[in-house]
Amino acid sequence: MTRDASQMDFFREPLFPSRTPALKVDIERYRAKMKRAMARAIRECPFDRQTIAVRMAQYLGLPSISKTMVDAYTAESKSGHDITLVRFSAFVHATGALWLWDEAMSEQGVTLLIGDEARLAEIALLQQEQDRIKAEIKVLKASPVRVRRER
């Protein structure tokens, strides 16, 4: 069955949602959300936890990061083991889960554009400017122009 373009889809979520920053962050809820997201990234990743730990260490130029640390970063029960930003960056790199950055920033009202997606925002900005100029021209054209030239 083909979709009718004139009908709205109530179940479709926007690919680039417009978000509002949280006034207050519930640290326990945020911590659990991020640990679940990181666990999901591991499930979706082609590498096992040990390989992810090795890739993180290589990315950071460290001798090693243990699989146990990766487990602690993703275990909701380990509330005292929050990952640092630098190690989070290495985790994202090791798993290839760039969407984790969007997940992490969403509390601040931010939506992440990855790579060439930023051109979409640039196009929209230029189209908005184009619409503003068209509206200005329409206002100027609304009243006749009297040309006075002496011949």
Protein backbone atom coordinates (compact mmCIF):
# COMPACT_ATOMS: atom_id res chain seq x y z
CA MET A 1 0.00 0.00 0.00
CA THR A 2 1.39 3.39 -0.96
CA ARG A 3 1.30 6.33 1.38
CA ASP A 4 -0.94 9.29 0.51
CA ALA A 5 1.22 12.43 0.63
CA SER A 6 -1.76 14.55 1.70
CA GLN A 7 -2.26 12.55 4.91
CA MET A 8 -0.20 13.10 8.06
CA ASP A 9 1.56 10.20 9.73
CA PHE A 10 0.94 10.38 13.49
CA PHE A 11 3.57 7.76 14.26
CA ARG A 12 6.45 9.19 12.26
CA GLU A 13 9.08 10.94 14.35
CA PRO A 14 11.10 13.75 12.80
CA LEU A 15 14.57 12.78 11.71
CA PHE A 16 15.94 16.08 13.03
CA PRO A 17 13.72 16.94 16.01
CA SER A 18 13.41 20.45 17.37
CA ARG A 19 14.13 20.17 21.09
CA THR A 20 13.75 22.32 24.17
CA PRO A 21 16.50 22.26 26.78
CA ALA A 22 15.65 20.72 30.13
CA LEU A 23 15.37 23.26 32.93
CA LYS A 24 16.89 20.77 35.34
CA VAL A 25 18.68 17.51 34.64
CA ASP A 26 17.65 14.48 36.66
CA ILE A 27 21.13 13.02 36.97
CA GLU A 28 19.98 9.49 37.80
CA ARG A 29 17.58 9.38 34.84
CA TYR A 30 20.21 10.88 32.51
CA ARG A 31 22.88 8.46 33.73
CA ALA A 32 20.55 5.48 33.17
CA LYS A 33 19.54 6.78 29.73
CA MET A 34 23.18 7.13 28.63
CA LYS A 35 24.19 3.74 30.01
CA ARG A 36 21.26 2.11 28.16
CA ALA A 37 22.21 3.97 24.96
CA MET A 38 25.83 2.83 25.26
CA ALA A 39 24.70 -0.75 25.89
CA ARG A 40 22.55 -0.52 22.75
CA ALA A 41 25.57 0.78 20.81
CA ILE A 42 27.51 -2.31 21.89
CA ARG A 43 24.66 -4.63 20.85
CA GLU A 44 24.49 -2.97 17.43
CA CYS A 45 28.28 -2.90 17.01
CA PRO A 46 30.05 -5.69 15.09
CA PHE A 47 32.76 -5.84 17.79
CA ASP A 48 32.65 -7.54 21.19
CA ARG A 49 33.32 -5.61 24.40
CA GLN A 50 36.97 -6.66 24.57
CA THR A 51 37.60 -5.40 21.04
CA ILE A 52 35.76 -2.16 21.84
CA ALA A 53 38.03 -1.69 24.86
CA VAL A 54 41.13 -2.29 22.71
CA ARG A 55 39.87 0.16 20.05
CA MET A 56 39.18 2.79 22.74
CA ALA A 57 42.69 2.42 24.11
CA GLN A 58 44.23 2.69 20.64
CA TYR A 59 42.18 5.82 19.89
CA LEU A 60 43.29 7.44 23.16
CA GLY A 61 46.89 6.29 22.85
CA LEU A 62 46.67 4.37 26.14
CA PRO A 63 48.31 1.02 26.86
CA SER A 64 44.91 -0.51 27.63
CA ILE A 65 41.34 -0.09 28.74
CA SER A 66 39.79 -3.12 30.33
CA LYS A 67 36.60 -4.84 29.24
CA THR A 68 35.56 -4.50 32.90
CA MET A 69 35.66 -0.70 32.56
CA VAL A 70 33.51 -0.85 29.43
CA ASP A 71 31.09 -3.08 31.36
CA ALA A 72 31.02 -0.57 34.25
CA TYR A 73 30.35 2.35 31.89
CA THR A 74 27.27 0.56 30.52
CA ALA A 75 25.90 -1.07 33.70
CA GLU A 76 23.00 0.89 35.21
CA SER A 77 23.81 -0.67 38.58
CA LYS A 78 27.26 1.00 38.56
CA SER A 79 26.18 4.58 39.32
CA GLY A 80 29.68 5.49 40.50
CA HIS A 81 31.27 4.69 37.14
CA ASP A 82 30.41 7.59 34.87
CA ILE A 83 32.42 7.79 31.67
CA THR A 84 34.51 10.91 31.04
CA LEU A 85 33.95 12.97 27.91
CA VAL A 86 37.29 11.90 26.43
CA ARG A 87 36.54 8.22 27.01
CA PHE A 88 32.99 8.70 25.71
CA SER A 89 34.51 10.09 22.51
CA ALA A 90 36.72 6.99 22.27
CA PHE A 91 33.70 4.76 22.94
CA VAL A 92 31.75 6.43 20.11
CA HIS A 93 34.75 6.01 17.83
CA ALA A 94 35.24 2.35 18.84
CA THR A 95 31.59 1.41 18.30
CA GLY A 96 30.92 3.69 15.32
CA ALA A 97 27.72 4.85 17.06
CA LEU A 98 27.82 8.55 16.18
CA TRP A 99 24.15 8.81 17.19
CA LEU A 100 25.34 8.62 20.82
CA TRP A 101 26.42 12.27 20.59
CA ASP A 102 22.85 13.23 19.73
CA GLU A 103 21.59 11.17 22.66
CA ALA A 104 24.04 12.85 25.04
CA MET A 105 23.20 16.39 23.89
CA SER A 106 19.43 16.08 23.67
CA GLU A 107 18.94 17.22 27.30
CA GLN A 108 20.41 20.59 26.33
CA GLY A 109 17.95 20.99 23.46
CA VAL A 110 20.56 20.17 20.83
CA THR A 111 20.03 18.08 17.70
CA LEU A 112 23.14 16.69 16.06
CA LEU A 113 23.79 16.91 12.34
CA ILE A 114 26.48 14.53 11.15
CA GLY A 115 28.79 15.31 8.26
CA ASP A 116 27.03 16.47 5.12
CA GLU A 117 23.69 16.79 6.97
CA ALA A 118 24.84 20.27 8.01
CA ARG A 119 24.25 21.35 4.40
CA LEU A 120 20.54 20.78 5.02
CA ALA A 121 20.59 23.47 7.70
CA GLU A 122 22.56 25.78 5.41
CA ILE A 123 20.06 25.22 2.58
CA ALA A 124 17.14 25.94 4.92
CA LEU A 125 18.82 29.11 6.16
CA LEU A 126 19.39 30.33 2.60
CA GLN A 127 15.79 29.48 1.64
CA GLN A 128 14.55 31.44 4.66
CA GLU A 129 16.67 34.41 3.58
CA GLN A 130 15.36 34.02 0.02
CA ASP A 131 11.75 34.08 1.33
CA ARG A 132 12.51 37.20 3.38
CA ILE A 133 13.94 38.96 0.30
CA LYS A 134 10.93 37.90 -1.82
CA ALA A 135 8.57 39.33 0.82
CA GLU A 136 10.55 42.59 0.87
CA ILE A 137 10.40 42.81 -2.94
CA LYS A 138 6.64 42.17 -2.83
CA VAL A 139 6.19 45.08 -0.40
CA LEU A 140 8.27 47.34 -2.64
CA LYS A 141 6.26 46.29 -5.71
CA ALA A 142 2.95 46.94 -3.95
CA SER A 143 3.09 50.64 -4.71
CA PRO A 144 3.81 51.95 -8.20
CA VAL A 145 7.17 53.41 -9.01
CA ARG A 146 7.12 56.85 -10.59
CA VAL A 147 10.05 57.28 -12.89
CA ARG A 148 11.01 60.88 -13.63
CA ARG A 149 13.40 61.27 -16.48
CA GLU A 150 14.04 64.32 -18.42
CA ARG A 151 14.54 63.94 -22.14
